[in-house]
Amino acid sequence: MNLDFSQIVPFIPFLLKGIGATLQFVSISILLGFILGTLLALCKITNIRPLKMFANAYTSIFRGTPLILQLWIIYFAVPQLTGYNIPEYLTAILAFGLNSAAYVSEIIRAGIMAVDRGQTEAAMALGIPYRPMMLNIILPQAIKNILPALVNEFITLTKESAIVSTIGYLDLMRRAQIIGAQIYRNFETLFLAGIIYWVMVFILTKVGELVERRLRQSDTHS
């Protein structure tokens, strides 16, 4: 074995910048996914058939096709049709946000359905309109129940984020590839990148466990 980690030391600052680049686009993607996912979830539980069909079709398509395919369609295929080149950063946000929305919509839908039906019946009996009822009564309770699942979705996106390196976005994985190609030390750079990914996911997992524990404690006290 011919390993020499000392050669990658000068490149560590360059590699660490990939952490911020990765978490930045993943955070915006999960926010976009949450907003679109909430709208899709509301469409799924509505009595308006076209909206329900659209939401179900959207979820089926984005959950039934590989994320990397969706990423490449936005980056390579859409410019062919529109003549507009989409920047790597925006492509990453769109692909991950649109994909996440499909999964988040199912999480939120399940959370809404888990809220005691008596809450809805009581609100309707009091004459509260549908929109205020959903925004002020049902959704806050649903989000509290699904918060751990949303944290897990963020963790999943963080792990899958490495595929944006295939379109040249300077995330952690892409920076590791550049360093490895420059000093011909792929094992050392990829090994270090793997450790950084593991640390990020480990921290996010612990945060998720803390949130879940706090929620259980608040339910116990209430």
Protein backbone atom coordinates (compact mmCIF):
# COMPACT_ATOMS: atom_id res chain seq x y z
CA MET A 1 0.00 0.00 0.00
CA ASN A 2 1.28 3.40 -1.01
CA LEU A 3 -0.76 5.90 0.99
CA ASP A 4 0.34 9.45 1.69
CA PHE A 5 -2.27 11.67 3.34
CA SER A 6 0.24 14.48 3.76
CA GLN A 7 -0.16 15.43 0.10
CA ILE A 8 -3.82 16.39 0.56
CA VAL A 9 -3.17 18.64 3.58
CA PRO A 10 -2.70 21.82 1.46
CA PHE A 11 -6.04 21.12 -0.25
CA ILE A 12 -8.09 20.61 2.94
CA PRO A 13 -9.41 24.23 3.02
CA PHE A 14 -10.58 23.84 -0.59
CA LEU A 15 -12.27 20.54 0.31
CA LEU A 16 -13.94 21.92 3.44
CA LYS A 17 -15.58 24.68 1.41
CA GLY A 18 -17.59 21.89 -0.17
CA ILE A 19 -19.42 21.39 3.13
CA GLY A 20 -20.97 24.83 2.91
CA ALA A 21 -21.72 24.42 -0.79
CA THR A 22 -23.42 21.10 -0.12
CA LEU A 23 -25.49 22.17 2.89
CA GLN A 24 -26.48 25.43 1.23
CA PHE A 25 -28.19 23.92 -1.80
CA VAL A 26 -29.61 21.02 0.22
CA SER A 27 -31.18 23.47 2.74
CA ILE A 28 -32.79 25.54 -0.02
CA SER A 29 -33.93 22.34 -1.74
CA ILE A 30 -35.63 21.00 1.38
CA LEU A 31 -37.34 24.37 1.88
CA LEU A 32 -38.58 24.31 -1.71
CA GLY A 33 -39.61 20.68 -1.27
CA PHE A 34 -41.50 21.53 1.92
CA ILE A 35 -43.47 24.36 0.30
CA LEU A 36 -44.34 22.36 -2.84
CA GLY A 37 -44.90 19.22 -0.78
CA THR A 38 -47.41 21.01 1.45
CA LEU A 39 -49.35 22.22 -1.60
CA LEU A 40 -49.28 18.73 -3.11
CA ALA A 41 -50.45 17.18 0.16
CA LEU A 42 -53.40 19.58 0.29
CA CYS A 43 -54.21 18.67 -3.32
CA LYS A 44 -54.16 14.97 -2.39
CA ILE A 45 -56.77 15.36 0.33
CA THR A 46 -59.03 17.75 -1.58
CA ASN A 47 -62.30 16.75 -3.18
CA ILE A 48 -61.29 18.49 -6.42
CA ARG A 49 -60.49 15.54 -8.66
CA PRO A 50 -58.12 17.25 -11.19
CA LEU A 51 -55.92 18.57 -8.35
CA LYS A 52 -55.84 15.17 -6.69
CA MET A 53 -54.94 13.45 -9.97
CA PHE A 54 -52.17 15.99 -10.67
CA ALA A 55 -50.67 15.57 -7.18
CA ASN A 56 -50.76 11.78 -7.38
CA ALA A 57 -49.25 11.79 -10.90
CA TYR A 58 -46.49 14.19 -9.79
CA THR A 59 -45.62 11.99 -6.83
CA SER A 60 -45.64 8.85 -8.95
CA ILE A 61 -43.31 10.34 -11.58
CA PHE A 62 -40.76 11.87 -9.21
CA ARG A 63 -40.69 8.89 -6.84
CA GLY A 64 -40.64 6.40 -9.71
CA THR A 65 -37.64 7.79 -11.60
CA PRO A 66 -33.98 8.12 -10.48
CA LEU A 67 -32.96 11.46 -9.01
CA ILE A 68 -29.88 11.59 -11.23
CA LEU A 69 -32.15 11.27 -14.29
CA GLN A 70 -34.21 14.25 -13.10
CA LEU A 71 -30.99 16.18 -12.48
CA TRP A 72 -29.67 15.46 -15.97
CA ILE A 73 -32.99 16.29 -17.65
CA ILE A 74 -32.96 19.74 -16.05
CA TYR A 75 -29.28 20.36 -16.79
CA PHE A 76 -28.85 18.75 -20.22
CA ALA A 77 -32.31 18.24 -21.79
CA VAL A 78 -34.22 21.39 -20.79
CA PRO A 79 -31.59 23.72 -22.37
CA GLN A 80 -31.96 21.74 -25.60
CA LEU A 81 -35.69 22.55 -25.62
CA THR A 82 -35.55 26.11 -24.32
CA GLY A 83 -32.14 27.34 -25.49
CA TYR A 84 -31.44 28.53 -21.94
CA ASN A 85 -28.56 27.03 -19.99
CA ILE A 86 -29.47 26.50 -16.33
CA PRO A 87 -26.56 27.09 -13.91
CA GLU A 88 -25.33 24.12 -11.90
CA TYR A 89 -26.43 25.65 -8.58
CA LEU A 90 -29.98 26.32 -9.77
CA THR A 91 -30.15 22.90 -11.41
CA ALA A 92 -29.21 21.21 -8.14
CA ILE A 93 -31.85 23.16 -6.20
CA LEU A 94 -34.59 22.48 -8.75
CA ALA A 95 -33.85 18.77 -9.10
CA PHE A 96 -33.56 18.10 -5.38
CA GLY A 97 -36.42 20.44 -4.47
CA LEU A 98 -38.86 18.95 -7.00
CA ASN A 99 -37.84 15.42 -6.04
CA SER A 100 -38.10 16.13 -2.33
CA ALA A 101 -41.58 17.63 -2.79
CA ALA A 102 -42.90 14.24 -3.90
CA TYR A 103 -41.65 12.53 -0.72
CA VAL A 104 -42.54 15.42 1.59
CA SER A 105 -46.09 15.50 0.20
CA GLU A 106 -46.61 11.92 1.34
CA ILE A 107 -45.10 12.69 4.74
CA ILE A 108 -47.36 15.72 5.22
CA ARG A 109 -50.42 13.92 3.90
CA ALA A 110 -49.84 11.13 6.41
CA GLY A 111 -49.35 13.73 9.14
CA ILE A 112 -52.63 15.46 8.27
CA MET A 113 -54.51 12.17 8.18
CA ALA A 114 -53.06 11.29 11.60
CA VAL A 115 -54.59 14.39 13.21
CA ASP A 116 -57.70 13.48 15.18
CA ARG A 117 -60.71 13.82 12.90
CA GLY A 118 -62.56 15.38 15.79
CA GLN A 119 -60.39 18.48 15.33
CA THR A 120 -61.75 18.95 11.82
CA GLU A 121 -65.31 18.23 12.83
CA ALA A 122 -65.11 20.67 15.74
CA ALA A 123 -63.69 23.41 13.49
CA MET A 124 -66.43 22.84 10.92
CA ALA A 125 -69.08 22.88 13.66
CA LEU A 126 -67.76 26.27 14.78
CA GLY A 127 -68.05 27.57 11.23
CA ILE A 128 -64.29 28.02 10.70
CA PRO A 129 -63.52 28.24 6.94
CA TYR A 130 -61.38 25.52 5.36
CA ARG A 131 -58.24 27.63 4.78
CA PRO A 132 -57.94 29.03 8.34
CA MET A 133 -58.76 25.60 9.71
CA MET A 134 -55.91 23.97 7.77
CA LEU A 135 -53.39 26.78 8.43
CA ASN A 136 -54.14 27.40 12.11
CA ILE A 137 -55.40 24.06 13.44
CA ILE A 138 -54.59 21.01 11.31
CA LEU A 139 -51.20 21.81 9.70
CA PRO A 140 -49.45 22.93 12.93
CA GLN A 141 -50.38 19.63 14.59
CA ALA A 142 -49.41 17.63 11.51
CA ILE A 143 -46.02 19.33 11.19
CA LYS A 144 -45.27 18.66 14.85
CA ASN A 145 -45.93 14.96 14.27
CA ILE A 146 -43.86 14.71 11.09
CA LEU A 147 -40.88 16.86 12.11
CA PRO A 148 -38.61 13.83 12.72
CA ALA A 149 -39.53 12.48 9.27
CA LEU A 150 -38.66 15.85 7.70
CA VAL A 151 -35.25 15.77 9.43
CA ASN A 152 -34.72 12.28 7.97
CA GLU A 153 -35.58 13.65 4.52
CA PHE A 154 -32.92 16.34 4.99
CA ILE A 155 -30.40 13.64 5.94
CA THR A 156 -31.33 11.60 2.86
CA LEU A 157 -30.87 14.60 0.56
CA THR A 158 -27.50 15.35 2.15
CA LYS A 159 -26.27 11.82 1.37
CA GLU A 160 -27.68 11.88 -2.16
CA SER A 161 -26.24 15.35 -2.82
CA ALA A 162 -23.00 13.82 -4.13
CA ILE A 163 -24.63 13.18 -7.50
CA VAL A 164 -24.56 16.92 -8.31
CA SER A 165 -20.83 16.42 -8.91
CA THR A 166 -21.86 14.82 -12.23
CA ILE A 167 -22.93 18.24 -13.55
CA GLY A 168 -19.83 20.03 -12.26
CA TYR A 169 -21.29 21.71 -9.17
CA LEU A 170 -18.47 22.32 -6.69
CA ASP A 171 -19.90 20.36 -3.79
CA LEU A 172 -17.85 18.22 -1.45
CA MET A 173 -17.71 15.26 -3.83
CA ARG A 174 -16.69 17.32 -6.86
CA ARG A 175 -13.92 19.03 -4.91
CA ALA A 176 -12.61 15.63 -3.79
CA GLN A 177 -12.54 14.49 -7.43
CA ILE A 178 -10.64 17.62 -8.48
CA ILE A 179 -8.04 17.17 -5.74
CA GLY A 180 -7.61 13.49 -6.53
CA ALA A 181 -7.10 14.18 -10.23
CA GLN A 182 -4.61 16.93 -9.49
CA ILE A 183 -2.33 15.00 -7.11
CA TYR A 184 -3.15 11.48 -8.33
CA ARG A 185 -4.29 10.48 -4.84
CA ASN A 186 -7.87 9.34 -5.23
CA PHE A 187 -8.04 6.99 -2.26
CA GLU A 188 -6.89 9.59 0.27
CA THR A 189 -9.17 12.34 -1.01
CA LEU A 190 -12.24 10.13 -1.35
CA PHE A 191 -11.57 8.58 2.06
CA LEU A 192 -11.44 12.04 3.64
CA ALA A 193 -14.59 13.09 1.78
CA GLY A 194 -16.30 9.96 3.08
CA ILE A 195 -15.38 10.84 6.66
CA ILE A 196 -16.74 14.37 6.21
CA TYR A 197 -20.02 13.03 4.78
CA TRP A 198 -20.28 10.61 7.71
CA VAL A 199 -19.68 13.39 10.25
CA MET A 200 -22.34 15.60 8.62
CA VAL A 201 -24.90 12.79 8.57
CA PHE A 202 -23.98 11.76 12.13
CA ILE A 203 -24.57 15.32 13.40
CA LEU A 204 -27.84 15.65 11.49
CA THR A 205 -28.98 12.27 12.84
CA LYS A 206 -28.26 13.36 16.41
CA VAL A 207 -30.16 16.60 15.79
CA GLY A 208 -33.10 14.56 14.50
CA GLU A 209 -33.00 12.33 17.58
CA LEU A 210 -32.90 15.41 19.83
CA VAL A 211 -35.91 16.93 18.08
CA GLU A 212 -37.83 13.67 18.37
CA ARG A 213 -36.95 13.37 22.06
CA ARG A 214 -38.05 16.96 22.75
CA LEU A 215 -41.35 16.36 20.97
CA ARG A 216 -42.00 13.23 23.02
CA GLN A 217 -41.24 15.14 26.22
CA SER A 218 -43.59 17.98 25.25
CA ASP A 219 -46.36 15.47 24.49
CA THR A 220 -45.79 13.83 27.88
CA HIS A 221 -45.95 17.14 29.75
CA SER A 222 -49.01 18.24 27.85
